[in-house]
Amino acid sequence: MSYQASIHHLTTGRFLMECLVEGHDLREAENEAIAKAALKSRALPREMDVRHLHQCMERRNPAGTQHA
């Protein structure tokens, strides 16, 4: 499942980034979001907090259509 995550600094509350992550459940998606933010910002994962995490709707193709 796809999730949209908003990551903030744990102590200051400063917004760090938003990202789209994959996970089987909310906990896995949260861990993936923190790992992605830590790599991108070169910060420690323990200093990050996922403030907003929600599941994205799956897109369904109309019957009979295919994408290349």
Protein backbone atom coordinates (compact mmCIF):
# COMPACT_ATOMS: atom_id res chain seq x y z
CA MET A 1 0.00 0.00 0.00
CA SER A 2 1.10 3.55 -0.65
CA TYR A 3 1.22 6.17 2.09
CA GLN A 4 1.86 9.91 2.10
CA ALA A 5 4.06 10.97 5.03
CA SER A 6 5.01 14.33 6.51
CA ILE A 7 8.24 14.23 8.51
CA HIS A 8 9.18 16.81 11.15
CA HIS A 9 12.11 17.33 13.52
CA LEU A 10 11.19 15.68 16.82
CA THR A 11 12.47 18.43 19.13
CA THR A 12 11.87 21.64 17.19
CA GLY A 13 8.82 20.54 15.21
CA ARG A 14 10.40 21.99 12.05
CA PHE A 15 9.03 20.50 8.83
CA LEU A 16 11.65 18.38 7.03
CA MET A 17 9.92 16.79 4.05
CA GLU A 18 6.95 14.99 2.57
CA CYS A 19 7.31 11.70 0.77
CA LEU A 20 5.43 8.79 -0.71
CA VAL A 21 6.34 5.41 0.76
CA GLU A 22 5.21 1.80 0.45
CA GLY A 23 4.37 -0.45 3.39
CA HIS A 24 2.21 -3.36 4.45
CA ASP A 25 0.89 -1.38 7.43
CA LEU A 26 1.20 2.01 9.13
CA ARG A 27 4.22 1.02 11.24
CA GLU A 28 6.18 -0.19 8.21
CA ALA A 29 5.26 2.95 6.26
CA GLU A 30 6.34 5.17 9.15
CA ASN A 31 9.70 3.41 9.43
CA GLU A 32 10.22 3.68 5.67
CA ALA A 33 9.41 7.42 5.73
CA ILE A 34 11.86 8.09 8.55
CA ALA A 35 14.59 6.08 6.80
CA LYS A 36 14.02 8.00 3.57
CA ALA A 37 14.11 11.36 5.36
CA ALA A 38 17.26 10.42 7.29
CA LEU A 39 19.10 9.51 4.10
CA LYS A 40 17.99 12.63 2.28
CA SER A 41 18.71 15.08 5.09
CA ARG A 42 21.69 13.22 6.58
CA ALA A 43 20.09 13.49 10.01
CA LEU A 44 19.58 10.91 12.72
CA PRO A 45 16.33 8.91 12.44
CA ARG A 46 15.74 9.20 16.20
CA GLU A 47 15.46 12.99 15.73
CA MET A 48 12.51 12.63 13.33
CA ASP A 49 8.79 12.27 13.78
CA VAL A 50 6.09 11.36 11.27
CA ARG A 51 3.31 13.86 12.00
CA HIS A 52 0.91 12.96 9.21
CA LEU A 53 0.63 9.56 7.57
CA HIS A 54 -2.28 8.52 5.45
CA GLN A 55 -2.99 5.82 2.92
CA CYS A 56 -3.26 6.94 -0.67
CA MET A 57 -6.17 5.84 -2.80
CA GLU A 58 -5.36 3.22 -5.38
CA ARG A 59 -5.97 4.30 -8.95
CA ARG A 60 -8.13 1.98 -10.94
CA ASN A 61 -7.98 1.80 -14.70
CA PRO A 62 -11.33 1.85 -16.49
CA ALA A 63 -12.18 -1.56 -17.89
CA GLY A 64 -10.61 -2.27 -21.24
CA THR A 65 -7.90 0.42 -21.09
CA GLN A 66 -4.22 -0.28 -20.89
CA HIS A 67 -1.29 2.03 -20.32
CA ALA A 68 1.99 1.59 -22.19
